[in-house]
Amino acid sequence: MSMTLGKQGYRPPWPQSAGEAAAWQIRQIGKLLRQAEVLVVSPATHAAVMAAAATLEPADISTLDRDRDILVRTGLLVLPEPVVIVNRTGSLSDTRAFGWQFITQHQILPTAQYPGVRVTTFMDRDGPVQPADWRLAVSQARESGSPLPPLVPDGEYGMRGDACLAEESTETLAGLSEQHRHFQKALAQASQWRSEPVPEMGEWSGEQVEDPYDDFVGRYMFAFWRLITQGVTAAGPSQAGTGARTTPGDASSQPSDPDVRVIRLAAPSPRPTDPAGEAKRVYHHRWPVRMHKVRQWYPTRQEHRVIWRGPYIKGPAGAPLMVGEKAYLADS
């Protein structure tokens, strides 16, 4: 219970039945949806966050300082399109939105309480993953007069937010990340695991996300929070015609609500003038360029922080953004 509900902010004593735990989770999701500030991430920023998340080791996430890294205490981040995830058992799922709330985590010891963040994932009711039993559930809910909402709660995760590993050495973090991998392998021995560490360079072209260690949610949110505080993104009011939709499956729903903010990738610094006489290549589309992770030392704070060099969007302003040529249909 401490590893599941305690990490999500449930204060002991633990519930005695699954129904009691489910009722508590439903209340927390309702509170999130009532209080959250809605953010819609642009396709370019989403590609950058995906690239950054690909560079993260498990221990990096434990350097999160919620009070400094997270600008919005309660938020709902809507993605421009569902992300298809290959889970540790090989099954597919899709994620369309992330919600988060500040909590206090409760672990086994009475004094083991930590500032944390509860992250709720939402799948797309009409997304690309449509197995037969899911289509049946959607149909039955509609026929009963209580249709499922476009964003359906999928899972909840507890993330520690007190920067508990922020001052540890790179070697210590690498060792902890390796221990995490061994622990996750023991949880699902029948699965086919990757054994190599994650790359230092990251890019994303729209493909499925392999998530054998069940940590994609934490990596994505950590990368998003750090990037928007790092100055490589810009937040502004929603504008009609941006192409971002707040309701999956409704092409006419443009984010015109003044309470909705759109997070976009900031424009890169102006490039120096091209050398005289050098032919200039003309591009007809834009695309995200790779980024790489750096553990930057801050002398005034006496700590390392994970930051990213890049990415930036290459190509002329106003040209269509190209993030990949692959399309996936997940069916039974």
C-alpha atoms as a PDB file:
ATOM      1  CA  MET A   1       0.000   0.000   0.000  1.00  0.00           C
ATOM      2  CA  SER A   2       2.831   2.405   0.770  1.00  0.00           C
ATOM      3  CA  MET A   3       4.388   1.763  -2.661  1.00  0.00           C
ATOM      4  CA  THR A   4       1.095   2.506  -4.430  1.00  0.00           C
ATOM      5  CA  LEU A   5      -1.403   4.624  -2.503  1.00  0.00           C
ATOM      6  CA  GLY A   6       1.154   6.024  -0.053  1.00  0.00           C
ATOM      7  CA  LYS A   7       3.260   7.372  -2.931  1.00  0.00           C
ATOM      8  CA  GLN A   8       0.088   8.901  -4.382  1.00  0.00           C
ATOM      9  CA  GLY A   9      -0.631  10.832  -1.178  1.00  0.00           C
ATOM     10  CA  TYR A  10      -2.974   8.484   0.715  1.00  0.00           C
ATOM     11  CA  ARG A  11      -2.417   8.991   4.443  1.00  0.00           C
ATOM     12  CA  PRO A  12      -2.379   5.841   6.654  1.00  0.00           C
ATOM     13  CA  PRO A  13      -4.229   3.837   7.819  1.00  0.00           C
ATOM     14  CA  TRP A  14      -4.435   2.111   4.461  1.00  0.00           C
ATOM     15  CA  PRO A  15      -7.859   1.150   3.036  1.00  0.00           C
ATOM     16  CA  GLN A  16      -9.249  -2.290   3.782  1.00  0.00           C
ATOM     17  CA  SER A  17     -10.834  -2.903   0.373  1.00  0.00           C
ATOM     18  CA  ALA A  18     -10.207  -2.228  -3.296  1.00  0.00           C
ATOM     19  CA  GLY A  19     -13.501  -0.321  -3.486  1.00  0.00           C
ATOM     20  CA  GLU A  20     -12.402   2.104  -0.802  1.00  0.00           C
ATOM     21  CA  ALA A  21      -9.121   2.745  -2.588  1.00  0.00           C
ATOM     22  CA  ALA A  22     -10.897   3.232  -5.926  1.00  0.00           C
ATOM     23  CA  ALA A  23     -13.366   5.703  -4.396  1.00  0.00           C
ATOM     24  CA  TRP A  24     -10.464   7.743  -3.003  1.00  0.00           C
ATOM     25  CA  GLN A  25      -8.723   7.791  -6.391  1.00  0.00           C
ATOM     26  CA  ILE A  26     -11.918   8.908  -8.126  1.00  0.00           C
ATOM     27  CA  ARG A  27     -12.223  11.802  -5.664  1.00  0.00           C
ATOM     28  CA  GLN A  28      -8.630  12.850  -6.342  1.00  0.00           C
ATOM     29  CA  ILE A  29      -9.168  12.794 -10.117  1.00  0.00           C
ATOM     30  CA  GLY A  30     -12.330  14.887  -9.709  1.00  0.00           C
ATOM     31  CA  LYS A  31     -10.406  17.400  -7.604  1.00  0.00           C
ATOM     32  CA  LEU A  32      -7.677  17.542 -10.258  1.00  0.00           C
ATOM     33  CA  LEU A  33     -10.133  18.223 -13.085  1.00  0.00           C
ATOM     34  CA  ARG A  34     -11.903  20.953 -11.080  1.00  0.00           C
ATOM     35  CA  GLN A  35      -8.773  22.814 -10.020  1.00  0.00           C
ATOM     36  CA  ALA A  36      -6.206  22.207 -12.772  1.00  0.00           C
ATOM     37  CA  GLU A  37      -4.849  24.916 -14.995  1.00  0.00           C
ATOM     38  CA  VAL A  38      -5.096  23.569 -18.542  1.00  0.00           C
ATOM     39  CA  LEU A  39      -2.003  23.661 -20.760  1.00  0.00           C
ATOM     40  CA  VAL A  40      -1.891  22.566 -24.403  1.00  0.00           C
ATOM     41  CA  VAL A  41       1.577  21.665 -25.644  1.00  0.00           C
ATOM     42  CA  SER A  42       2.430  22.473 -29.249  1.00  0.00           C
ATOM     43  CA  PRO A  43       3.699  19.696 -31.572  1.00  0.00           C
ATOM     44  CA  ALA A  44       7.203  21.185 -31.633  1.00  0.00           C
ATOM     45  CA  THR A  45       7.462  21.423 -27.846  1.00  0.00           C
ATOM     46  CA  HIS A  46       6.011  17.933 -27.487  1.00  0.00           C
ATOM     47  CA  ALA A  47       8.709  16.570 -29.805  1.00  0.00           C
ATOM     48  CA  ALA A  48      11.343  18.349 -27.711  1.00  0.00           C
ATOM     49  CA  VAL A  49       9.977  16.917 -24.450  1.00  0.00           C
ATOM     50  CA  MET A  50       9.893  13.415 -25.950  1.00  0.00           C
ATOM     51  CA  ALA A  51      13.504  13.791 -27.058  1.00  0.00           C
ATOM     52  CA  ALA A  52      14.543  15.029 -23.613  1.00  0.00           C
ATOM     53  CA  ALA A  53      12.688  12.218 -21.848  1.00  0.00           C
ATOM     54  CA  ALA A  54      14.613   9.674 -23.925  1.00  0.00           C
ATOM     55  CA  THR A  55      17.891  10.844 -22.325  1.00  0.00           C
ATOM     56  CA  LEU A  56      16.778  10.466 -18.703  1.00  0.00           C
ATOM     57  CA  GLU A  57      18.055   7.793 -16.348  1.00  0.00           C
ATOM     58  CA  PRO A  58      15.752   6.572 -13.548  1.00  0.00           C
ATOM     59  CA  ALA A  59      17.796   8.354 -10.866  1.00  0.00           C
ATOM     60  CA  ASP A  60      17.593  11.690 -12.707  1.00  0.00           C
ATOM     61  CA  ILE A  61      13.910  11.944 -11.834  1.00  0.00           C
ATOM     62  CA  SER A  62      14.783  11.934  -8.113  1.00  0.00           C
ATOM     63  CA  THR A  63      16.570  15.270  -8.537  1.00  0.00           C
ATOM     64  CA  LEU A  64      13.160  16.906  -9.055  1.00  0.00           C
ATOM     65  CA  ASP A  65      12.519  19.883  -6.788  1.00  0.00           C
ATOM     66  CA  ARG A  66       8.803  20.486  -7.133  1.00  0.00           C
ATOM     67  CA  ASP A  67       8.836  23.973  -5.600  1.00  0.00           C
ATOM     68  CA  ARG A  68      11.488  25.183  -8.026  1.00  0.00           C
ATOM     69  CA  ASP A  69      10.902  23.013 -11.091  1.00  0.00           C
ATOM     70  CA  ILE A  70       7.098  23.066 -11.337  1.00  0.00           C
ATOM     71  CA  LEU A  71       5.562  26.440 -12.117  1.00  0.00           C
ATOM     72  CA  VAL A  72       1.930  25.276 -11.867  1.00  0.00           C
ATOM     73  CA  ARG A  73       0.900  23.438  -8.689  1.00  0.00           C
ATOM     74  CA  THR A  74      -2.132  21.737 -10.256  1.00  0.00           C
ATOM     75  CA  GLY A  75      -2.172  21.274 -14.008  1.00  0.00           C
ATOM     76  CA  LEU A  76      -3.571  19.281 -16.903  1.00  0.00           C
ATOM     77  CA  LEU A  77      -1.246  18.994 -19.894  1.00  0.00           C
ATOM     78  CA  VAL A  78      -2.990  18.017 -23.144  1.00  0.00           C
ATOM     79  CA  LEU A  79      -0.773  16.544 -25.873  1.00  0.00           C
ATOM     80  CA  PRO A  80      -1.226  17.349 -29.570  1.00  0.00           C
ATOM     81  CA  GLU A  81      -1.705  13.646 -30.311  1.00  0.00           C
ATOM     82  CA  PRO A  82      -1.768  10.382 -28.349  1.00  0.00           C
ATOM     83  CA  VAL A  83       1.573   8.741 -27.570  1.00  0.00           C
ATOM     84  CA  VAL A  84       1.488   4.985 -28.217  1.00  0.00           C
ATOM     85  CA  ILE A  85       3.406   3.121 -25.500  1.00  0.00           C
ATOM     86  CA  VAL A  86       4.683  -0.448 -25.552  1.00  0.00           C
ATOM     87  CA  ASN A  87       4.323  -1.607 -21.945  1.00  0.00           C
ATOM     88  CA  ARG A  88       6.592  -4.022 -20.122  1.00  0.00           C
ATOM     89  CA  THR A  89       4.363  -6.988 -21.006  1.00  0.00           C
ATOM     90  CA  GLY A  90       4.309  -6.076 -24.690  1.00  0.00           C
ATOM     91  CA  SER A  91       0.750  -4.694 -24.650  1.00  0.00           C
ATOM     92  CA  LEU A  92      -0.021  -1.310 -26.182  1.00  0.00           C
ATOM     93  CA  SER A  93      -1.620   1.727 -24.603  1.00  0.00           C
ATOM     94  CA  ASP A  94      -1.959   5.388 -25.545  1.00  0.00           C
ATOM     95  CA  THR A  95      -1.601   8.528 -23.443  1.00  0.00           C
ATOM     96  CA  ARG A  96      -3.243  11.826 -24.428  1.00  0.00           C
ATOM     97  CA  ALA A  97      -2.898  13.978 -21.291  1.00  0.00           C
ATOM     98  CA  PHE A  98      -1.088  14.254 -17.955  1.00  0.00           C
ATOM     99  CA  GLY A  99      -2.508  15.823 -14.798  1.00  0.00           C
ATOM    100  CA  TRP A 100      -0.538  16.597 -11.634  1.00  0.00           C
ATOM    101  CA  GLN A 101      -1.146  17.747  -8.055  1.00  0.00           C
ATOM    102  CA  PHE A 102       1.173  18.542  -5.154  1.00  0.00           C
ATOM    103  CA  ILE A 103       0.880  15.952  -2.372  1.00  0.00           C
ATOM    104  CA  THR A 104       2.666  14.593   0.688  1.00  0.00           C
ATOM    105  CA  GLN A 105       3.902  11.056   0.166  1.00  0.00           C
ATOM    106  CA  HIS A 106       3.452   8.599   3.053  1.00  0.00           C
ATOM    107  CA  GLN A 107       5.748   5.593   3.245  1.00  0.00           C
ATOM    108  CA  ILE A 108       6.021   2.724   5.758  1.00  0.00           C
ATOM    109  CA  LEU A 109       7.817   4.498   8.597  1.00  0.00           C
ATOM    110  CA  PRO A 110       5.715   7.063  10.523  1.00  0.00           C
ATOM    111  CA  THR A 111       8.304   9.758   9.845  1.00  0.00           C
ATOM    112  CA  ALA A 112       8.782   8.852   6.162  1.00  0.00           C
ATOM    113  CA  GLN A 113       6.859  11.734   4.619  1.00  0.00           C
ATOM    114  CA  TYR A 114       8.107  13.554   1.543  1.00  0.00           C
ATOM    115  CA  PRO A 115       6.909  16.411  -0.653  1.00  0.00           C
ATOM    116  CA  GLY A 116       5.701  14.789  -3.835  1.00  0.00           C
ATOM    117  CA  VAL A 117       3.634  15.068  -6.989  1.00  0.00           C
ATOM    118  CA  ARG A 118       0.786  12.787  -8.003  1.00  0.00           C
ATOM    119  CA  VAL A 119       0.657  12.372 -11.783  1.00  0.00           C
ATOM    120  CA  THR A 120      -2.529  11.076 -13.429  1.00  0.00           C
ATOM    121  CA  THR A 121      -2.405   9.802 -17.001  1.00  0.00           C
ATOM    122  CA  PHE A 122      -5.374  10.021 -19.352  1.00  0.00           C
ATOM    123  CA  MET A 123      -5.889   7.862 -22.409  1.00  0.00           C
ATOM    124  CA  ASP A 124      -7.738   8.883 -25.547  1.00  0.00           C
ATOM    125  CA  ARG A 125     -11.183   7.284 -25.711  1.00  0.00           C
ATOM    126  CA  ASP A 126     -10.987   7.402 -29.519  1.00  0.00           C
ATOM    127  CA  GLY A 127      -7.217   6.971 -29.773  1.00  0.00           C
ATOM    128  CA  PRO A 128      -5.160   4.581 -31.891  1.00  0.00           C
ATOM    129  CA  VAL A 129      -5.272   1.698 -29.371  1.00  0.00           C
ATOM    130  CA  GLN A 130      -8.713   0.166 -29.804  1.00  0.00           C
ATOM    131  CA  PRO A 131      -8.812  -3.519 -28.740  1.00  0.00           C
ATOM    132  CA  ALA A 132     -12.123  -5.345 -28.939  1.00  0.00           C
ATOM    133  CA  ASP A 133     -12.862  -5.269 -25.190  1.00  0.00           C
ATOM    134  CA  TRP A 134     -12.273  -1.505 -25.092  1.00  0.00           C
ATOM    135  CA  ARG A 135     -14.607  -0.878 -28.034  1.00  0.00           C
ATOM    136  CA  LEU A 136     -17.212  -2.999 -26.265  1.00  0.00           C
ATOM    137  CA  ALA A 137     -16.837  -0.966 -23.041  1.00  0.00           C
ATOM    138  CA  VAL A 138     -17.196   2.325 -24.946  1.00  0.00           C
ATOM    139  CA  SER A 139     -20.283   1.026 -26.749  1.00  0.00           C
ATOM    140  CA  GLN A 140     -21.927  -0.248 -23.560  1.00  0.00           C
ATOM    141  CA  ALA A 141     -21.263   3.026 -21.741  1.00  0.00           C
ATOM    142  CA  ARG A 142     -22.823   4.989 -24.596  1.00  0.00           C
ATOM    143  CA  GLU A 143     -25.880   2.724 -24.711  1.00  0.00           C
ATOM    144  CA  SER A 144     -26.361   3.063 -20.943  1.00  0.00           C
ATOM    145  CA  GLY A 145     -26.683   6.834 -21.241  1.00  0.00           C
ATOM    146  CA  SER A 146     -23.334   7.516 -19.510  1.00  0.00           C
ATOM    147  CA  PRO A 147     -20.801   7.739 -22.339  1.00  0.00           C
ATOM    148  CA  LEU A 148     -17.125   7.764 -21.458  1.00  0.00           C
ATOM    149  CA  PRO A 149     -15.446  11.190 -21.630  1.00  0.00           C
ATOM    150  CA  PRO A 150     -12.902  11.919 -24.394  1.00  0.00           C
ATOM    151  CA  LEU A 151     -10.094  11.792 -21.800  1.00  0.00           C
ATOM    152  CA  VAL A 152     -10.312   8.659 -19.659  1.00  0.00           C
ATOM    153  CA  PRO A 153      -8.199   8.331 -16.464  1.00  0.00           C
ATOM    154  CA  ASP A 154      -5.697   5.536 -16.981  1.00  0.00           C
ATOM    155  CA  GLY A 155      -3.306   5.455 -14.019  1.00  0.00           C
ATOM    156  CA  GLU A 156      -1.751   7.387 -11.139  1.00  0.00           C
ATOM    157  CA  TYR A 157       1.903   7.679 -10.208  1.00  0.00           C
ATOM    158  CA  GLY A 158       3.649   9.227  -7.223  1.00  0.00           C
ATOM    159  CA  MET A 159       6.844  11.210  -7.875  1.00  0.00           C
ATOM    160  CA  ARG A 160       9.100  12.386  -5.062  1.00  0.00           C
ATOM    161  CA  GLY A 161       9.684  16.125  -5.303  1.00  0.00           C
ATOM    162  CA  ASP A 162      12.223  17.046  -2.611  1.00  0.00           C
ATOM    163  CA  ALA A 163      15.368  16.763  -4.779  1.00  0.00           C
ATOM    164  CA  CYS A 164      16.543  13.857  -2.632  1.00  0.00           C
ATOM    165  CA  LEU A 165      19.343  12.910  -5.073  1.00  0.00           C
ATOM    166  CA  ALA A 166      20.222  16.378  -6.354  1.00  0.00           C
ATOM    167  CA  GLU A 167      23.615  16.487  -4.635  1.00  0.00           C
ATOM    168  CA  GLU A 168      24.691  12.931  -5.408  1.00  0.00           C
ATOM    169  CA  SER A 169      27.579  12.258  -7.764  1.00  0.00           C
ATOM    170  CA  THR A 170      27.126  11.071 -11.326  1.00  0.00           C
ATOM    171  CA  GLU A 171      28.560   7.686 -10.345  1.00  0.00           C
ATOM    172  CA  THR A 172      26.043   7.282  -7.511  1.00  0.00           C
ATOM    173  CA  LEU A 173      23.159   8.181  -9.794  1.00  0.00           C
ATOM    174  CA  ALA A 174      24.350   5.700 -12.404  1.00  0.00           C
ATOM    175  CA  GLY A 175      24.520   2.954  -9.763  1.00  0.00           C
ATOM    176  CA  LEU A 176      21.018   3.718  -8.508  1.00  0.00           C
ATOM    177  CA  SER A 177      19.684   3.703 -12.058  1.00  0.00           C
ATOM    178  CA  GLU A 178      21.204   0.275 -12.626  1.00  0.00           C
ATOM    179  CA  GLN A 179      19.629  -1.017  -9.390  1.00  0.00           C
ATOM    180  CA  HIS A 180      16.296   0.318 -10.600  1.00  0.00           C
ATOM    181  CA  ARG A 181      16.641  -1.644 -13.830  1.00  0.00           C
ATOM    182  CA  HIS A 182      17.415  -4.855 -11.959  1.00  0.00           C
ATOM    183  CA  PHE A 183      14.393  -4.326  -9.729  1.00  0.00           C
ATOM    184  CA  GLN A 184      12.100  -3.731 -12.684  1.00  0.00           C
ATOM    185  CA  LYS A 185      13.443  -6.813 -14.466  1.00  0.00           C
ATOM    186  CA  ALA A 186      12.604  -8.904 -11.417  1.00  0.00           C
ATOM    187  CA  LEU A 187       9.005  -7.669 -11.594  1.00  0.00           C
ATOM    188  CA  ALA A 188       8.472  -9.066 -15.082  1.00  0.00           C
ATOM    189  CA  GLN A 189      11.011 -11.777 -15.874  1.00  0.00           C
ATOM    190  CA  ALA A 190       9.018 -12.989 -18.851  1.00  0.00           C
ATOM    191  CA  SER A 191       9.465  -9.696 -20.673  1.00  0.00           C
ATOM    192  CA  GLN A 192      12.282  -8.925 -23.074  1.00  0.00           C
ATOM    193  CA  TRP A 193      14.378  -6.176 -21.479  1.00  0.00           C
ATOM    194  CA  ARG A 194      16.982  -3.859 -22.813  1.00  0.00           C
ATOM    195  CA  SER A 195      20.166  -3.903 -20.731  1.00  0.00           C
ATOM    196  CA  GLU A 196      22.053  -0.941 -22.145  1.00  0.00           C
ATOM    197  CA  PRO A 197      21.761   2.508 -20.482  1.00  0.00           C
ATOM    198  CA  VAL A 198      19.710   5.232 -22.132  1.00  0.00           C
ATOM    199  CA  PRO A 199      21.497   7.396 -24.724  1.00  0.00           C
ATOM    200  CA  GLU A 200      22.885  10.822 -23.967  1.00  0.00           C
ATOM    201  CA  MET A 201      21.432  12.130 -27.231  1.00  0.00           C
ATOM    202  CA  GLY A 202      17.684  12.134 -27.749  1.00  0.00           C
ATOM    203  CA  GLU A 203      15.322  12.628 -30.646  1.00  0.00           C
ATOM    204  CA  TRP A 204      11.764  11.596 -31.427  1.00  0.00           C
ATOM    205  CA  SER A 205      10.093  11.169 -34.793  1.00  0.00           C
ATOM    206  CA  GLY A 206       6.604  10.102 -33.800  1.00  0.00           C
ATOM    207  CA  GLU A 207       7.302   6.424 -33.228  1.00  0.00           C
ATOM    208  CA  GLN A 208       5.960   4.213 -30.450  1.00  0.00           C
ATOM    209  CA  VAL A 209       7.597   4.558 -27.031  1.00  0.00           C
ATOM    210  CA  GLU A 210       9.198   1.455 -25.536  1.00  0.00           C
ATOM    211  CA  ASP A 211       8.513   1.550 -21.777  1.00  0.00           C
ATOM    212  CA  PRO A 212       9.899  -1.690 -20.300  1.00  0.00           C
ATOM    213  CA  TYR A 213      10.696  -0.071 -16.944  1.00  0.00           C
ATOM    214  CA  ASP A 214       7.275   1.578 -16.538  1.00  0.00           C
ATOM    215  CA  ASP A 215       8.836   5.021 -16.058  1.00  0.00           C
ATOM    216  CA  PHE A 216       7.807   6.937 -19.190  1.00  0.00           C
ATOM    217  CA  VAL A 217       5.297   9.052 -17.255  1.00  0.00           C
ATOM    218  CA  GLY A 218       7.927  10.251 -14.795  1.00  0.00           C
ATOM    219  CA  ARG A 219      10.496  10.903 -17.532  1.00  0.00           C
ATOM    220  CA  TYR A 220       8.059  12.876 -19.680  1.00  0.00           C
ATOM    221  CA  MET A 221       6.788  15.048 -16.829  1.00  0.00           C
ATOM    222  CA  PHE A 222      10.299  15.665 -15.452  1.00  0.00           C
ATOM    223  CA  ALA A 223      11.489  16.726 -18.917  1.00  0.00           C
ATOM    224  CA  PHE A 224       8.446  18.985 -19.426  1.00  0.00           C
ATOM    225  CA  TRP A 225       8.775  20.732 -16.062  1.00  0.00           C
ATOM    226  CA  ARG A 226      12.527  21.285 -16.446  1.00  0.00           C
ATOM    227  CA  LEU A 227      12.252  22.504 -20.041  1.00  0.00           C
ATOM    228  CA  ILE A 228       9.607  25.137 -19.310  1.00  0.00           C
ATOM    229  CA  THR A 229      11.756  26.529 -16.474  1.00  0.00           C
ATOM    230  CA  GLN A 230      14.909  26.372 -18.595  1.00  0.00           C
ATOM    231  CA  GLY A 231      13.833  29.048 -21.047  1.00  0.00           C
ATOM    232  CA  VAL A 232      13.564  26.934 -24.201  1.00  0.00           C
ATOM    233  CA  THR A 233       9.770  27.185 -24.275  1.00  0.00           C
ATOM    234  CA  ALA A 234       7.294  30.053 -24.335  1.00  0.00           C
ATOM    235  CA  ALA A 235       3.851  30.081 -22.729  1.00  0.00           C
ATOM    236  CA  GLY A 236       1.073  32.144 -24.198  1.00  0.00           C
ATOM    237  CA  PRO A 237      -2.716  32.326 -24.438  1.00  0.00           C
ATOM    238  CA  SER A 238      -4.500  29.946 -26.745  1.00  0.00           C
ATOM    239  CA  GLN A 239      -5.185  31.138 -30.262  1.00  0.00           C
ATOM    240  CA  ALA A 240      -7.650  29.861 -32.812  1.00  0.00           C
ATOM    241  CA  GLY A 241      -5.953  28.234 -35.750  1.00  0.00           C
ATOM    242  CA  THR A 242      -3.020  26.753 -33.869  1.00  0.00           C
ATOM    243  CA  GLY A 243      -4.188  23.267 -34.705  1.00  0.00           C
ATOM    244  CA  ALA A 244      -4.079  22.096 -31.088  1.00  0.00           C
ATOM    245  CA  ARG A 245      -7.318  20.570 -29.840  1.00  0.00           C
ATOM    246  CA  THR A 246      -8.458  20.292 -26.274  1.00  0.00           C
ATOM    247  CA  THR A 247     -11.015  17.573 -27.026  1.00  0.00           C
ATOM    248  CA  PRO A 248      -9.857  14.464 -28.919  1.00  0.00           C
ATOM    249  CA  GLY A 249     -12.006  13.596 -31.880  1.00  0.00           C
ATOM    250  CA  ASP A 250     -13.596  17.053 -32.198  1.00  0.00           C
ATOM    251  CA  ALA A 251     -11.983  18.836 -35.113  1.00  0.00           C
ATOM    252  CA  SER A 252     -13.925  22.047 -34.466  1.00  0.00           C
ATOM    253  CA  SER A 253     -12.711  22.453 -30.895  1.00  0.00           C
ATOM    254  CA  GLN A 254     -10.016  25.139 -30.972  1.00  0.00           C
ATOM    255  CA  PRO A 255      -8.401  26.269 -27.694  1.00  0.00           C
ATOM    256  CA  SER A 256      -9.976  29.733 -27.507  1.00  0.00           C
ATOM    257  CA  ASP A 257     -10.506  29.695 -23.729  1.00  0.00           C
ATOM    258  CA  PRO A 258      -8.408  32.499 -22.152  1.00  0.00           C
ATOM    259  CA  ASP A 259      -7.721  30.207 -19.177  1.00  0.00           C
ATOM    260  CA  VAL A 260      -5.888  27.733 -21.434  1.00  0.00           C
ATOM    261  CA  ARG A 261      -2.189  28.344 -22.058  1.00  0.00           C
ATOM    262  CA  VAL A 262      -0.271  26.917 -25.005  1.00  0.00           C
ATOM    263  CA  ILE A 263       3.344  25.861 -24.405  1.00  0.00           C
ATOM    264  CA  ARG A 264       5.446  26.320 -27.554  1.00  0.00           C
ATOM    265  CA  LEU A 265       9.081  25.722 -28.335  1.00  0.00           C
ATOM    266  CA  ALA A 266      10.925  29.032 -28.206  1.00  0.00           C
ATOM    267  CA  ALA A 267      12.582  30.312 -31.319  1.00  0.00           C
ATOM    268  CA  PRO A 268      16.315  29.539 -31.506  1.00  0.00           C
ATOM    269  CA  SER A 269      18.914  32.273 -31.248  1.00  0.00           C
ATOM    270  CA  PRO A 270      19.596  34.042 -34.557  1.00  0.00           C
ATOM    271  CA  ARG A 271      22.271  32.288 -36.567  1.00  0.00           C
ATOM    272  CA  PRO A 272      25.366  34.211 -37.664  1.00  0.00           C
ATOM    273  CA  THR A 273      25.453  35.463 -41.212  1.00  0.00           C
ATOM    274  CA  ASP A 274      26.309  32.745 -43.710  1.00  0.00           C
ATOM    275  CA  PRO A 275      29.842  32.981 -45.146  1.00  0.00           C
ATOM    276  CA  ALA A 276      30.066  35.004 -48.322  1.00  0.00           C
ATOM    277  CA  GLY A 277      29.767  32.985 -51.476  1.00  0.00           C
ATOM    278  CA  GLU A 278      28.363  29.876 -49.760  1.00  0.00           C
ATOM    279  CA  ALA A 279      25.233  28.410 -51.325  1.00  0.00           C
ATOM    280  CA  LYS A 280      22.231  28.588 -49.032  1.00  0.00           C
ATOM    281  CA  ARG A 281      20.068  25.485 -48.730  1.00  0.00           C
ATOM    282  CA  VAL A 282      16.327  26.095 -48.915  1.00  0.00           C
ATOM    283  CA  TYR A 283      14.049  23.963 -46.737  1.00  0.00           C
ATOM    284  CA  HIS A 284      10.317  23.526 -47.199  1.00  0.00           C
ATOM    285  CA  HIS A 285       9.497  22.051 -43.792  1.00  0.00           C
ATOM    286  CA  ARG A 286      10.587  22.266 -40.154  1.00  0.00           C
ATOM    287  CA  TRP A 287      11.807  19.462 -37.926  1.00  0.00           C
ATOM    288  CA  PRO A 288      13.162  19.045 -34.374  1.00  0.00           C
ATOM    289  CA  VAL A 289      16.922  18.699 -34.091  1.00  0.00           C
ATOM    290  CA  ARG A 290      18.491  16.385 -31.502  1.00  0.00           C
ATOM    291  CA  MET A 291      19.175  17.445 -27.962  1.00  0.00           C
ATOM    292  CA  HIS A 292      21.599  16.161 -25.368  1.00  0.00           C
ATOM    293  CA  LYS A 293      21.509  16.001 -21.577  1.00  0.00           C
ATOM    294  CA  VAL A 294      24.019  17.779 -19.322  1.00  0.00           C
ATOM    295  CA  ARG A 295      24.382  17.680 -15.534  1.00  0.00           C
ATOM    296  CA  GLN A 296      25.196  21.363 -14.997  1.00  0.00           C
ATOM    297  CA  TRP A 297      26.917  22.430 -11.768  1.00  0.00           C
ATOM    298  CA  TYR A 298      25.452  25.575 -10.133  1.00  0.00           C
ATOM    299  CA  PRO A 299      28.071  27.039  -7.721  1.00  0.00           C
ATOM    300  CA  THR A 300      25.619  29.394  -6.014  1.00  0.00           C
ATOM    301  CA  ARG A 301      23.304  26.485  -5.190  1.00  0.00           C
ATOM    302  CA  GLN A 302      26.062  23.903  -4.723  1.00  0.00           C
ATOM    303  CA  GLU A 303      24.167  21.317  -6.727  1.00  0.00           C
ATOM    304  CA  HIS A 304      23.932  19.655 -10.112  1.00  0.00           C
ATOM    305  CA  ARG A 305      20.804  20.065 -12.218  1.00  0.00           C
ATOM    306  CA  VAL A 306      19.811  18.173 -15.338  1.00  0.00           C
ATOM    307  CA  ILE A 307      19.534  20.579 -18.264  1.00  0.00           C
ATOM    308  CA  TRP A 308      19.442  20.097 -22.029  1.00  0.00           C
ATOM    309  CA  ARG A 309      21.419  21.651 -24.834  1.00  0.00           C
ATOM    310  CA  GLY A 310      18.957  22.088 -27.637  1.00  0.00           C
ATOM    311  CA  PRO A 311      16.719  21.108 -29.163  1.00  0.00           C
ATOM    312  CA  TYR A 312      15.697  23.638 -31.709  1.00  0.00           C
ATOM    313  CA  ILE A 313      13.378  23.645 -34.683  1.00  0.00           C
ATOM    314  CA  LYS A 314      15.200  23.832 -37.997  1.00  0.00           C
ATOM    315  CA  GLY A 315      13.565  25.199 -41.105  1.00  0.00           C
ATOM    316  CA  PRO A 316      11.749  28.369 -42.178  1.00  0.00           C
ATOM    317  CA  ALA A 317       9.126  29.897 -39.923  1.00  0.00           C
ATOM    318  CA  GLY A 318       5.606  28.992 -40.952  1.00  0.00           C
ATOM    319  CA  ALA A 319       6.614  25.842 -42.805  1.00  0.00           C
ATOM    320  CA  PRO A 320       4.857  22.594 -41.820  1.00  0.00           C
ATOM    321  CA  LEU A 321       6.436  20.710 -38.924  1.00  0.00           C
ATOM    322  CA  MET A 322       7.601  17.211 -39.830  1.00  0.00           C
ATOM    323  CA  VAL A 323       8.112  14.799 -36.903  1.00  0.00           C
ATOM    324  CA  GLY A 324       7.937  11.510 -38.756  1.00  0.00           C
ATOM    325  CA  GLU A 325       6.384   9.495 -41.530  1.00  0.00           C
ATOM    326  CA  LYS A 326       5.054   6.563 -39.490  1.00  0.00           C
ATOM    327  CA  ALA A 327       1.430   5.882 -38.641  1.00  0.00           C
ATOM    328  CA  TYR A 328       0.287   3.173 -36.223  1.00  0.00           C
ATOM    329  CA  LEU A 329      -3.021   1.374 -35.865  1.00  0.00           C
ATOM    330  CA  ALA A 330      -3.284  -0.783 -32.755  1.00  0.00           C
ATOM    331  CA  ASP A 331      -6.105  -3.288 -32.998  1.00  0.00           C
ATOM    332  CA  SER A 332      -6.982  -6.690 -31.575  1.00  0.00           C
END
